[in-house]
C-alpha atoms as a PDB file:
ATOM      1  CA  MET A   1      96.127 118.477 140.808  1.00  0.00           C
ATOM      2  CA  ARG A   2      92.894 117.247 139.163  1.00  0.00           C
ATOM      3  CA  GLY A   3      90.084 116.173 141.362  1.00  0.00           C
ATOM      4  CA  PRO A   4      87.425 113.361 140.648  1.00  0.00           C
ATOM      5  CA  ARG A   5      85.910 113.326 137.136  1.00  0.00           C
ATOM      6  CA  TYR A   6      82.338 114.996 136.810  1.00  0.00           C
ATOM      7  CA  HIS A   7      79.901 112.064 135.946  1.00  0.00           C
ATOM      8  CA  SER A   8      82.636 110.323 134.987  1.00  0.00           C
ATOM      9  CA  GLY A   9      80.875 107.018 135.412  1.00  0.00           C
ATOM     10  CA  MET A  10      77.976 107.812 133.441  1.00  0.00           C
ATOM     11  CA  SER A  11      76.845 106.433 129.906  1.00  0.00           C
ATOM     12  CA  GLU A  12      76.948 108.611 127.010  1.00  0.00           C
ATOM     13  CA  ALA A  13      73.241 108.092 126.430  1.00  0.00           C
ATOM     14  CA  ARG A  14      72.632 108.669 129.954  1.00  0.00           C
ATOM     15  CA  GLN A  15      74.313 112.064 129.998  1.00  0.00           C
ATOM     16  CA  HIS A  16      72.353 113.168 126.849  1.00  0.00           C
ATOM     17  CA  ARG A  17      69.149 112.159 129.028  1.00  0.00           C
ATOM     18  CA  LYS A  18      70.391 114.043 131.823  1.00  0.00           C
ATOM     19  CA  GLY A  19      71.032 117.092 129.871  1.00  0.00           C
ATOM     20  CA  ARG A  20      67.355 117.081 128.415  1.00  0.00           C
ATOM     21  CA  PRO A  21      65.956 118.949 131.385  1.00  0.00           C
ATOM     22  CA  GLY A  22      68.504 121.596 130.737  1.00  0.00           C
ATOM     23  CA  VAL A  23      67.871 122.169 127.221  1.00  0.00           C
ATOM     24  CA  VAL A  24      63.955 122.468 127.795  1.00  0.00           C
ATOM     25  CA  ALA A  25      64.762 124.753 130.545  1.00  0.00           C
ATOM     26  CA  LEU A  26      66.952 127.189 128.543  1.00  0.00           C
ATOM     27  CA  ALA A  27      64.428 127.138 125.723  1.00  0.00           C
ATOM     28  CA  ALA A  28      61.723 128.210 128.111  1.00  0.00           C
ATOM     29  CA  ILE A  29      63.689 130.649 129.983  1.00  0.00           C
ATOM     30  CA  ALA A  30      64.704 132.483 126.601  1.00  0.00           C
ATOM     31  CA  PRO A  31      61.374 134.427 125.793  1.00  0.00           C
ATOM     32  CA  ILE A  32      60.471 134.962 129.325  1.00  0.00           C
ATOM     33  CA  TRP A  33      63.658 136.622 130.603  1.00  0.00           C
ATOM     34  CA  GLY A  34      64.171 138.319 126.965  1.00  0.00           C
ATOM     35  CA  TYR A  35      60.721 140.078 127.508  1.00  0.00           C
ATOM     36  CA  SER A  36      61.340 140.692 131.241  1.00  0.00           C
ATOM     37  CA  TRP A  37      63.628 143.631 130.382  1.00  0.00           C
ATOM     38  CA  VAL A  38      60.743 145.464 128.585  1.00  0.00           C
ATOM     39  CA  VAL A  39      58.585 144.650 131.665  1.00  0.00           C
ATOM     40  CA  SER A  40      61.068 146.044 134.184  1.00  0.00           C
ATOM     41  CA  LYS A  41      61.924 149.126 132.036  1.00  0.00           C
ATOM     42  CA  ILE A  42      58.070 149.827 132.339  1.00  0.00           C
ATOM     43  CA  ALA A  43      57.735 149.104 135.689  1.00  0.00           C
ATOM     44  CA  LEU A  44      60.793 151.692 136.572  1.00  0.00           C
ATOM     45  CA  GLY A  45      58.099 154.476 135.555  1.00  0.00           C
ATOM     46  CA  TYR A  46      56.486 153.606 138.635  1.00  0.00           C
ATOM     47  CA  ALA A  47      58.772 152.707 141.221  1.00  0.00           C
ATOM     48  CA  ALA A  48      62.341 153.476 142.098  1.00  0.00           C
ATOM     49  CA  PRO A  49      64.862 150.800 140.847  1.00  0.00           C
ATOM     50  CA  LEU A  50      66.034 149.573 144.189  1.00  0.00           C
ATOM     51  CA  THR A  51      62.158 149.558 145.641  1.00  0.00           C
ATOM     52  CA  PHE A  52      61.128 147.447 142.496  1.00  0.00           C
ATOM     53  CA  ILE A  53      63.845 144.765 142.649  1.00  0.00           C
ATOM     54  CA  ALA A  54      63.305 144.304 146.316  1.00  0.00           C
ATOM     55  CA  LEU A  55      59.641 143.768 146.047  1.00  0.00           C
ATOM     56  CA  VAL A  56      60.064 141.477 143.027  1.00  0.00           C
ATOM     57  CA  THR A  57      62.465 139.275 144.691  1.00  0.00           C
ATOM     58  CA  ALA A  58      60.758 138.987 147.971  1.00  0.00           C
ATOM     59  CA  ALA A  59      57.515 138.025 146.017  1.00  0.00           C
ATOM     60  CA  GLY A  60      59.453 135.553 144.025  1.00  0.00           C
ATOM     61  CA  ALA A  61      60.920 134.238 147.140  1.00  0.00           C
ATOM     62  CA  GLY A  62      57.299 134.109 148.740  1.00  0.00           C
ATOM     63  CA  CYS A  63      56.038 132.196 145.520  1.00  0.00           C
ATOM     64  CA  LEU A  64      58.677 129.409 145.887  1.00  0.00           C
ATOM     65  CA  PHE A  65      58.127 128.862 149.585  1.00  0.00           C
ATOM     66  CA  LEU A  66      54.408 128.140 148.923  1.00  0.00           C
ATOM     67  CA  VAL A  67      55.285 125.778 146.462  1.00  0.00           C
ATOM     68  CA  LEU A  68      57.584 123.981 148.760  1.00  0.00           C
ATOM     69  CA  VAL A  69      54.666 124.031 151.277  1.00  0.00           C
ATOM     70  CA  ALA A  70      51.823 123.027 148.858  1.00  0.00           C
ATOM     71  CA  THR A  71      54.187 120.004 147.645  1.00  0.00           C
ATOM     72  CA  ARG A  72      54.913 118.803 150.996  1.00  0.00           C
ATOM     73  CA  ARG A  73      58.970 119.402 150.416  1.00  0.00           C
ATOM     74  CA  SER A  74      61.380 119.978 153.160  1.00  0.00           C
ATOM     75  CA  LEU A  75      61.711 123.795 154.154  1.00  0.00           C
ATOM     76  CA  ARG A  76      65.167 122.817 155.278  1.00  0.00           C
ATOM     77  CA  PRO A  77      67.486 125.246 153.484  1.00  0.00           C
ATOM     78  CA  PRO A  78      70.726 123.891 151.496  1.00  0.00           C
ATOM     79  CA  PRO A  79      74.153 124.149 153.437  1.00  0.00           C
ATOM     80  CA  PHE A  80      74.420 128.006 154.191  1.00  0.00           C
ATOM     81  CA  ARG A  81      77.922 128.113 153.261  1.00  0.00           C
ATOM     82  CA  TRP A  82      76.899 127.881 149.516  1.00  0.00           C
ATOM     83  CA  THR A  83      73.184 129.046 149.608  1.00  0.00           C
ATOM     84  CA  VAL A  84      74.450 132.411 151.276  1.00  0.00           C
ATOM     85  CA  PRO A  85      77.012 133.415 148.601  1.00  0.00           C
ATOM     86  CA  ILE A  86      75.059 132.376 145.716  1.00  0.00           C
ATOM     87  CA  GLY A  87      72.200 134.368 147.106  1.00  0.00           C
ATOM     88  CA  LEU A  88      74.315 137.603 147.279  1.00  0.00           C
ATOM     89  CA  LEU A  89      76.111 137.013 143.883  1.00  0.00           C
ATOM     90  CA  GLN A  90      73.326 135.658 141.563  1.00  0.00           C
ATOM     91  CA  THR A  91      70.363 137.325 143.249  1.00  0.00           C
ATOM     92  CA  ALA A  92      71.310 140.422 145.164  1.00  0.00           C
ATOM     93  CA  LEU A  93      74.390 141.729 143.692  1.00  0.00           C
ATOM     94  CA  PHE A  94      73.235 140.915 140.105  1.00  0.00           C
ATOM     95  CA  ASN A  95      69.720 142.511 140.530  1.00  0.00           C
ATOM     96  CA  VAL A  96      70.947 145.775 142.025  1.00  0.00           C
ATOM     97  CA  LEU A  97      73.515 146.319 139.085  1.00  0.00           C
ATOM     98  CA  ALA A  98      71.147 145.012 136.379  1.00  0.00           C
ATOM     99  CA  THR A  99      68.305 147.349 137.476  1.00  0.00           C
ATOM    100  CA  LEU A 100      70.264 150.291 138.216  1.00  0.00           C
ATOM    101  CA  ALA A 101      71.761 149.938 134.482  1.00  0.00           C
ATOM    102  CA  LEU A 102      68.295 149.353 133.233  1.00  0.00           C
ATOM    103  CA  SER A 103      67.499 152.653 134.921  1.00  0.00           C
ATOM    104  CA  VAL A 104      70.101 154.572 132.804  1.00  0.00           C
ATOM    105  CA  GLY A 105      70.020 152.493 129.686  1.00  0.00           C
ATOM    106  CA  GLY A 106      67.571 151.089 127.072  1.00  0.00           C
ATOM    107  CA  ALA A 107      66.217 147.583 127.777  1.00  0.00           C
ATOM    108  CA  GLY A 108      67.601 146.130 124.521  1.00  0.00           C
ATOM    109  CA  ARG A 109      70.897 147.305 125.184  1.00  0.00           C
ATOM    110  CA  VAL A 110      71.245 146.563 128.608  1.00  0.00           C
ATOM    111  CA  SER A 111      69.871 142.893 128.095  1.00  0.00           C
ATOM    112  CA  VAL A 112      72.772 142.295 125.923  1.00  0.00           C
ATOM    113  CA  LEU A 113      75.258 143.699 128.033  1.00  0.00           C
ATOM    114  CA  VAL A 114      74.275 141.641 131.173  1.00  0.00           C
ATOM    115  CA  TYR A 115      74.536 138.465 129.093  1.00  0.00           C
ATOM    116  CA  THR A 116      78.255 139.166 128.898  1.00  0.00           C
ATOM    117  CA  MET A 117      77.834 136.580 131.810  1.00  0.00           C
ATOM    118  CA  SER A 118      78.065 133.791 129.290  1.00  0.00           C
ATOM    119  CA  PHE A 119      81.711 134.525 128.254  1.00  0.00           C
ATOM    120  CA  TRP A 120      82.806 135.306 132.038  1.00  0.00           C
ATOM    121  CA  LEU A 121      81.226 131.812 133.115  1.00  0.00           C
ATOM    122  CA  LEU A 122      83.134 130.385 129.871  1.00  0.00           C
ATOM    123  CA  LEU A 123      86.412 131.855 131.458  1.00  0.00           C
ATOM    124  CA  LEU A 124      85.601 130.688 134.843  1.00  0.00           C
ATOM    125  CA  ALA A 125      84.606 127.210 133.951  1.00  0.00           C
ATOM    126  CA  TRP A 126      87.907 126.369 132.434  1.00  0.00           C
ATOM    127  CA  PRO A 127      90.124 126.595 135.534  1.00  0.00           C
ATOM    128  CA  PHE A 128      87.415 125.821 138.252  1.00  0.00           C
ATOM    129  CA  LEU A 129      85.611 123.186 136.387  1.00  0.00           C
ATOM    130  CA  GLY A 130      87.724 121.856 133.913  1.00  0.00           C
ATOM    131  CA  GLU A 131      85.220 122.356 130.856  1.00  0.00           C
ATOM    132  CA  ARG A 132      86.886 122.963 127.676  1.00  0.00           C
ATOM    133  CA  LEU A 133      85.364 123.710 124.527  1.00  0.00           C
ATOM    134  CA  ARG A 134      85.464 121.382 121.416  1.00  0.00           C
ATOM    135  CA  GLY A 135      84.779 121.399 117.695  1.00  0.00           C
ATOM    136  CA  LEU A 136      82.305 123.855 116.539  1.00  0.00           C
ATOM    137  CA  GLN A 137      81.922 125.591 119.938  1.00  0.00           C
ATOM    138  CA  TRP A 138      84.960 127.336 119.054  1.00  0.00           C
ATOM    139  CA  PRO A 139      83.787 129.220 116.208  1.00  0.00           C
ATOM    140  CA  ALA A 140      80.628 129.609 117.825  1.00  0.00           C
ATOM    141  CA  VAL A 141      82.154 131.589 120.751  1.00  0.00           C
ATOM    142  CA  CYS A 142      84.150 133.720 118.239  1.00  0.00           C
ATOM    143  CA  LEU A 143      80.837 134.372 116.318  1.00  0.00           C
ATOM    144  CA  ALA A 144      78.904 135.191 119.703  1.00  0.00           C
ATOM    145  CA  PHE A 145      81.848 137.329 120.936  1.00  0.00           C
ATOM    146  CA  ALA A 146      82.041 139.461 117.602  1.00  0.00           C
ATOM    147  CA  GLY A 147      78.403 139.816 117.894  1.00  0.00           C
ATOM    148  CA  LEU A 148      78.025 140.942 121.326  1.00  0.00           C
ATOM    149  CA  VAL A 149      80.845 143.353 120.498  1.00  0.00           C
ATOM    150  CA  LEU A 150      79.002 144.749 117.767  1.00  0.00           C
ATOM    151  CA  VAL A 151      75.900 145.156 119.710  1.00  0.00           C
ATOM    152  CA  VAL A 152      77.980 146.460 122.885  1.00  0.00           C
ATOM    153  CA  ARG A 153      79.883 149.220 120.548  1.00  0.00           C
ATOM    154  CA  PRO A 154      82.647 149.822 123.014  1.00  0.00           C
ATOM    155  CA  TRP A 155      83.736 152.578 120.783  1.00  0.00           C
ATOM    156  CA  ASP A 156      80.641 154.363 121.853  1.00  0.00           C
ATOM    157  CA  ILE A 157      81.251 155.853 125.454  1.00  0.00           C
ATOM    158  CA  GLY A 158      78.167 157.941 125.543  1.00  0.00           C
ATOM    159  CA  ASP A 159      76.435 155.510 128.192  1.00  0.00           C
ATOM    160  CA  ALA A 160      79.343 154.424 129.964  1.00  0.00           C
ATOM    161  CA  LEU A 161      77.894 154.264 133.210  1.00  0.00           C
ATOM    162  CA  GLY A 162      74.829 151.933 132.197  1.00  0.00           C
ATOM    163  CA  GLY A 163      77.411 149.618 130.222  1.00  0.00           C
ATOM    164  CA  VAL A 164      79.746 149.298 132.952  1.00  0.00           C
ATOM    165  CA  LEU A 165      76.942 148.513 135.523  1.00  0.00           C
ATOM    166  CA  ALA A 166      75.508 145.701 132.900  1.00  0.00           C
ATOM    167  CA  VAL A 167      78.565 144.086 132.568  1.00  0.00           C
ATOM    168  CA  ALA A 168      79.533 143.966 136.345  1.00  0.00           C
ATOM    169  CA  ALA A 169      75.835 142.560 136.443  1.00  0.00           C
ATOM    170  CA  GLY A 170      76.947 139.783 133.929  1.00  0.00           C
ATOM    171  CA  LEU A 171      80.151 138.900 136.106  1.00  0.00           C
ATOM    172  CA  ALA A 172      78.396 138.761 139.486  1.00  0.00           C
ATOM    173  CA  TRP A 173      75.887 136.481 137.813  1.00  0.00           C
ATOM    174  CA  ALA A 174      78.657 134.059 136.375  1.00  0.00           C
ATOM    175  CA  GLY A 175      79.968 134.161 139.821  1.00  0.00           C
ATOM    176  CA  GLY A 176      76.986 132.773 141.416  1.00  0.00           C
ATOM    177  CA  ALA A 177      76.431 130.332 138.588  1.00  0.00           C
ATOM    178  CA  LEU A 178      80.060 128.760 139.182  1.00  0.00           C
ATOM    179  CA  LEU A 179      79.491 128.562 142.858  1.00  0.00           C
ATOM    180  CA  VAL A 180      76.211 126.342 141.848  1.00  0.00           C
ATOM    181  CA  LYS A 181      78.410 124.209 139.836  1.00  0.00           C
ATOM    182  CA  LEU A 182      80.841 123.761 142.717  1.00  0.00           C
ATOM    183  CA  MET A 183      78.205 123.015 145.315  1.00  0.00           C
ATOM    184  CA  GLU A 184      77.202 120.241 143.054  1.00  0.00           C
ATOM    185  CA  CYS A 185      80.523 118.862 143.184  1.00  0.00           C
ATOM    186  CA  ARG A 186      80.789 118.829 146.909  1.00  0.00           C
ATOM    187  CA  THR A 187      77.207 118.172 148.343  1.00  0.00           C
ATOM    188  CA  GLU A 188      73.651 117.022 146.972  1.00  0.00           C
ATOM    189  CA  ALA A 189      71.090 119.792 147.032  1.00  0.00           C
ATOM    190  CA  ASP A 190      67.314 120.005 146.178  1.00  0.00           C
ATOM    191  CA  VAL A 191      66.981 122.470 143.048  1.00  0.00           C
ATOM    192  CA  LEU A 192      63.806 124.017 144.252  1.00  0.00           C
ATOM    193  CA  ALA A 193      65.164 124.453 147.916  1.00  0.00           C
ATOM    194  CA  LEU A 194      68.335 125.881 146.464  1.00  0.00           C
ATOM    195  CA  THR A 195      66.204 128.350 144.305  1.00  0.00           C
ATOM    196  CA  THR A 196      64.051 129.365 147.210  1.00  0.00           C
ATOM    197  CA  TRP A 197      66.662 130.206 149.768  1.00  0.00           C
ATOM    198  CA  GLN A 198      69.072 132.013 147.323  1.00  0.00           C
ATOM    199  CA  LEU A 199      66.247 133.981 146.346  1.00  0.00           C
ATOM    200  CA  ALA A 200      65.176 134.526 150.268  1.00  0.00           C
ATOM    201  CA  VAL A 201      68.763 135.808 151.081  1.00  0.00           C
ATOM    202  CA  GLY A 202      68.710 137.883 148.054  1.00  0.00           C
ATOM    203  CA  ALA A 203      65.381 139.444 149.198  1.00  0.00           C
ATOM    204  CA  VAL A 204      66.671 140.262 152.880  1.00  0.00           C
ATOM    205  CA  VAL A 205      69.727 141.976 151.132  1.00  0.00           C
ATOM    206  CA  LEU A 206      67.639 143.774 148.720  1.00  0.00           C
ATOM    207  CA  SER A 207      64.897 144.996 151.202  1.00  0.00           C
ATOM    208  CA  ALA A 208      67.677 146.387 153.562  1.00  0.00           C
ATOM    209  CA  ILE A 209      69.398 148.317 150.615  1.00  0.00           C
ATOM    210  CA  ALA A 210      66.177 149.685 149.572  1.00  0.00           C
ATOM    211  CA  VAL A 211      65.213 150.873 153.095  1.00  0.00           C
ATOM    212  CA  MET A 212      68.634 152.363 153.768  1.00  0.00           C
ATOM    213  CA  ALA A 213      68.511 154.212 150.428  1.00  0.00           C
ATOM    214  CA  GLN A 214      65.054 155.396 151.335  1.00  0.00           C
ATOM    215  CA  SER A 215      63.913 154.518 147.796  1.00  0.00           C
ATOM    216  CA  GLY A 216      60.104 155.150 148.800  1.00  0.00           C
ATOM    217  CA  TRP A 217      57.022 153.469 147.755  1.00  0.00           C
ATOM    218  CA  PRO A 218      55.675 152.903 144.174  1.00  0.00           C
ATOM    219  CA  HIS A 219      52.785 154.208 142.484  1.00  0.00           C
ATOM    220  CA  TRP A 220      50.222 151.163 142.625  1.00  0.00           C
ATOM    221  CA  THR A 221      48.566 151.136 139.192  1.00  0.00           C
ATOM    222  CA  GLY A 222      47.231 148.390 136.972  1.00  0.00           C
ATOM    223  CA  THR A 223      50.322 148.485 135.220  1.00  0.00           C
ATOM    224  CA  PHE A 224      52.787 148.351 137.839  1.00  0.00           C
ATOM    225  CA  TRP A 225      50.762 145.280 139.490  1.00  0.00           C
ATOM    226  CA  LEU A 226      51.136 143.408 136.172  1.00  0.00           C
ATOM    227  CA  CYS A 227      54.805 144.309 136.001  1.00  0.00           C
ATOM    228  CA  VAL A 228      55.615 143.005 139.438  1.00  0.00           C
ATOM    229  CA  GLY A 229      53.390 139.754 138.775  1.00  0.00           C
ATOM    230  CA  TYR A 230      55.234 138.925 135.619  1.00  0.00           C
ATOM    231  CA  SER A 231      58.591 139.682 136.995  1.00  0.00           C
ATOM    232  CA  ALA A 232      57.973 138.037 140.550  1.00  0.00           C
ATOM    233  CA  VAL A 233      56.287 134.666 139.292  1.00  0.00           C
ATOM    234  CA  LEU A 234      57.349 134.138 135.599  1.00  0.00           C
ATOM    235  CA  ALA A 235      60.921 136.135 135.625  1.00  0.00           C
ATOM    236  CA  THR A 236      62.073 135.322 139.184  1.00  0.00           C
ATOM    237  CA  ALA A 237      60.292 132.165 140.785  1.00  0.00           C
ATOM    238  CA  LEU A 238      60.077 130.201 137.767  1.00  0.00           C
ATOM    239  CA  SER A 239      63.044 131.428 135.693  1.00  0.00           C
ATOM    240  CA  VAL A 240      65.235 131.172 138.419  1.00  0.00           C
ATOM    241  CA  GLY A 241      64.318 127.497 138.994  1.00  0.00           C
ATOM    242  CA  LEU A 242      64.600 126.863 135.219  1.00  0.00           C
ATOM    243  CA  TRP A 243      68.159 128.195 135.310  1.00  0.00           C
ATOM    244  CA  VAL A 244      69.381 126.176 138.360  1.00  0.00           C
ATOM    245  CA  VAL A 245      67.802 122.961 136.488  1.00  0.00           C
ATOM    246  CA  ALA A 246      70.082 124.024 133.680  1.00  0.00           C
ATOM    247  CA  LEU A 247      73.110 124.296 135.676  1.00  0.00           C
ATOM    248  CA  SER A 248      72.454 121.372 137.094  1.00  0.00           C
ATOM    249  CA  SER A 249      71.765 119.217 133.818  1.00  0.00           C
ATOM    250  CA  LEU A 250      74.337 120.881 131.678  1.00  0.00           C
ATOM    251  CA  PRO A 251      77.970 121.919 131.875  1.00  0.00           C
ATOM    252  CA  ALA A 252      78.572 125.501 132.795  1.00  0.00           C
ATOM    253  CA  SER A 253      79.686 126.526 129.363  1.00  0.00           C
ATOM    254  CA  ALA A 254      76.768 125.122 127.747  1.00  0.00           C
ATOM    255  CA  ALA A 255      74.462 126.699 130.234  1.00  0.00           C
ATOM    256  CA  GLY A 256      76.104 129.843 129.734  1.00  0.00           C
ATOM    257  CA  LEU A 257      75.942 129.968 126.163  1.00  0.00           C
ATOM    258  CA  GLY A 258      72.546 128.672 126.009  1.00  0.00           C
ATOM    259  CA  THR A 259      71.434 131.960 127.506  1.00  0.00           C
ATOM    260  CA  LEU A 260      72.615 133.964 124.525  1.00  0.00           C
ATOM    261  CA  ALA A 261      68.847 133.845 122.886  1.00  0.00           C
ATOM    262  CA  VAL A 262      67.699 135.935 125.830  1.00  0.00           C
ATOM    263  CA  PRO A 263      69.103 139.240 124.864  1.00  0.00           C
ATOM    264  CA  VAL A 264      68.125 138.716 121.230  1.00  0.00           C
ATOM    265  CA  VAL A 265      64.491 138.501 122.456  1.00  0.00           C
ATOM    266  CA  GLY A 266      65.179 141.547 124.522  1.00  0.00           C
ATOM    267  CA  VAL A 267      66.402 143.617 122.049  1.00  0.00           C
ATOM    268  CA  ALA A 268      63.487 142.551 119.572  1.00  0.00           C
ATOM    269  CA  THR A 269      60.645 143.189 122.031  1.00  0.00           C
ATOM    270  CA  SER A 270      62.117 146.233 123.369  1.00  0.00           C
ATOM    271  CA  TRP A 271      62.261 147.413 119.578  1.00  0.00           C
ATOM    272  CA  LEU A 272      58.581 146.273 119.138  1.00  0.00           C
ATOM    273  CA  GLN A 273      56.836 147.761 122.464  1.00  0.00           C
ATOM    274  CA  LEU A 274      59.434 150.598 123.561  1.00  0.00           C
ATOM    275  CA  GLY A 275      60.458 151.584 120.223  1.00  0.00           C
ATOM    276  CA  GLU A 276      64.315 151.152 120.860  1.00  0.00           C
ATOM    277  CA  ARG A 277      65.165 150.496 117.275  1.00  0.00           C
ATOM    278  CA  PRO A 278      68.818 148.989 117.228  1.00  0.00           C
ATOM    279  CA  ALA A 279      71.331 150.343 114.722  1.00  0.00           C
ATOM    280  CA  GLY A 280      72.486 148.749 111.598  1.00  0.00           C
ATOM    281  CA  VAL A 281      75.456 147.565 113.430  1.00  0.00           C
ATOM    282  CA  GLU A 282      73.656 146.155 116.539  1.00  0.00           C
ATOM    283  CA  ALA A 283      71.366 144.324 114.095  1.00  0.00           C
ATOM    284  CA  ALA A 284      74.443 142.720 112.707  1.00  0.00           C
ATOM    285  CA  GLY A 285      75.668 141.691 116.063  1.00  0.00           C
ATOM    286  CA  MET A 286      72.137 139.811 116.743  1.00  0.00           C
ATOM    287  CA  GLY A 287      72.835 138.043 113.550  1.00  0.00           C
ATOM    288  CA  LEU A 288      76.111 136.745 114.314  1.00  0.00           C
ATOM    289  CA  ILE A 289      74.788 135.819 118.040  1.00  0.00           C
ATOM    290  CA  ILE A 290      71.880 133.825 116.246  1.00  0.00           C
ATOM    291  CA  ALA A 291      74.539 132.039 113.851  1.00  0.00           C
ATOM    292  CA  ALA A 292      76.669 131.071 116.942  1.00  0.00           C
ATOM    293  CA  LEU A 293      73.359 129.400 118.587  1.00  0.00           C
ATOM    294  CA  ALA A 294      73.003 127.654 115.118  1.00  0.00           C
ATOM    295  CA  LEU A 295      76.440 126.091 115.366  1.00  0.00           C
ATOM    296  CA  LEU A 296      75.963 125.089 119.089  1.00  0.00           C
ATOM    297  CA  ALA A 297      72.754 123.448 118.193  1.00  0.00           C
ATOM    298  CA  VAL A 298      74.342 121.621 115.049  1.00  0.00           C
ATOM    299  CA  TYR A 299      77.373 120.296 117.541  1.00  0.00           C
ATOM    300  CA  GLY A 300      74.818 118.948 119.923  1.00  0.00           C
ATOM    301  CA  LEU A 301      73.059 117.092 117.104  1.00  0.00           C
ATOM    302  CA  LEU A 302      76.168 115.786 115.736  1.00  0.00           C
ATOM    303  CA  GLY A 303      76.834 114.204 119.342  1.00  0.00           C
ATOM    304  CA  GLY A 304      79.488 116.218 120.670  1.00  0.00           C
ATOM    305  CA  GLY A 305      77.399 118.542 122.944  1.00  0.00           C
ATOM    306  CA  VAL A 306      75.960 117.602 126.463  1.00  0.00           C
ATOM    307  CA  GLY A 307      77.256 114.043 126.697  1.00  0.00           C
ATOM    308  CA  ARG A 308      80.612 114.715 126.016  1.00  0.00           C
ATOM    309  CA  ALA A 309      81.021 118.014 127.799  1.00  0.00           C
ATOM    310  CA  ALA A 310      79.552 116.890 130.910  1.00  0.00           C
ATOM    311  CA  ASN A 311      81.748 113.701 130.959  1.00  0.00           C
ATOM    312  CA  GLU A 312      85.081 115.666 130.548  1.00  0.00           C
ATOM    313  CA  GLY A 313      84.175 118.392 133.147  1.00  0.00           C
ATOM    314  CA  PHE A 314      85.736 117.549 136.679  1.00  0.00           C
ATOM    315  CA  CYS A 315      85.814 119.194 140.115  1.00  0.00           C
ATOM    316  CA  LEU A 316      89.079 120.885 141.154  1.00  0.00           C
ATOM    317  CA  PRO A 317      89.802 120.556 145.027  1.00  0.00           C
ATOM    318  CA  PRO A 318      87.371 122.493 146.973  1.00  0.00           C
ATOM    319  CA  VAL A 319      88.288 126.472 147.043  1.00  0.00           C
ATOM    320  CA  ILE A 320      85.743 127.123 149.848  1.00  0.00           C
ATOM    321  CA  ASP A 321      86.431 124.872 152.976  1.00  0.00           C
END
């Protein structure tokens, strides 16, 4: 049985205004997260994967706690029944899998595989949130899927481990994103507080894993410090906050598809800085993804995007009670 419709009483104009912060957030995320794969790949030359990601996550959480204090906002966490599983999936498990994948694979390729998250989220949003695709969204999804297939090249099994880890990271991320949307249907939570505490949960888990794995201390060079600073402040503290804003302002399906620009940036920057030149097939795949994003943009401009999708999504009866 269907639950109450999501934002059912909201006017079309108000829904579009509500979606604007999410669109801006996704536009800011794309270059930051896209280049962060190159930064992380460089950093792994100075530290073990688990040490690096535990350090970055803890530093990112610390930055956000300072922001909470500086802005005189409450340090009270959102309900732990939501915050803990979100932190475990969207921070701890995702970061472990993605960083291990990056340690054995190229930055550009891994960035694309991780963003199969968008398709996992589309599949999860349909039964759990009632978000259905319409109009130009269907050919956009088909183009994006074809593009990812060309970039992933499933017929090439030479890098199986890195590929499996990266796709699993995308699934973990999608699960965490779904929990954020389900939480919004049940209770209200401050975006900054949720971001801070989910990072804190992830930092505790990742630090414990790093210690148990005895992954050792990093080599503290100037380059490594810069990598940690970028990853902690921009790619973690700022961008995770922007991601939660996007999830809060947009339907899950729209937020997930909006991140498809990130792997394109990741592939391009890894090519320019690391010399990871994509093959002709991969280049064709990136072109298809860009075409898919263009279709989604046109759909939004024609008035069928944020407002309508947000209005038609609904929350099913609680699955975590």
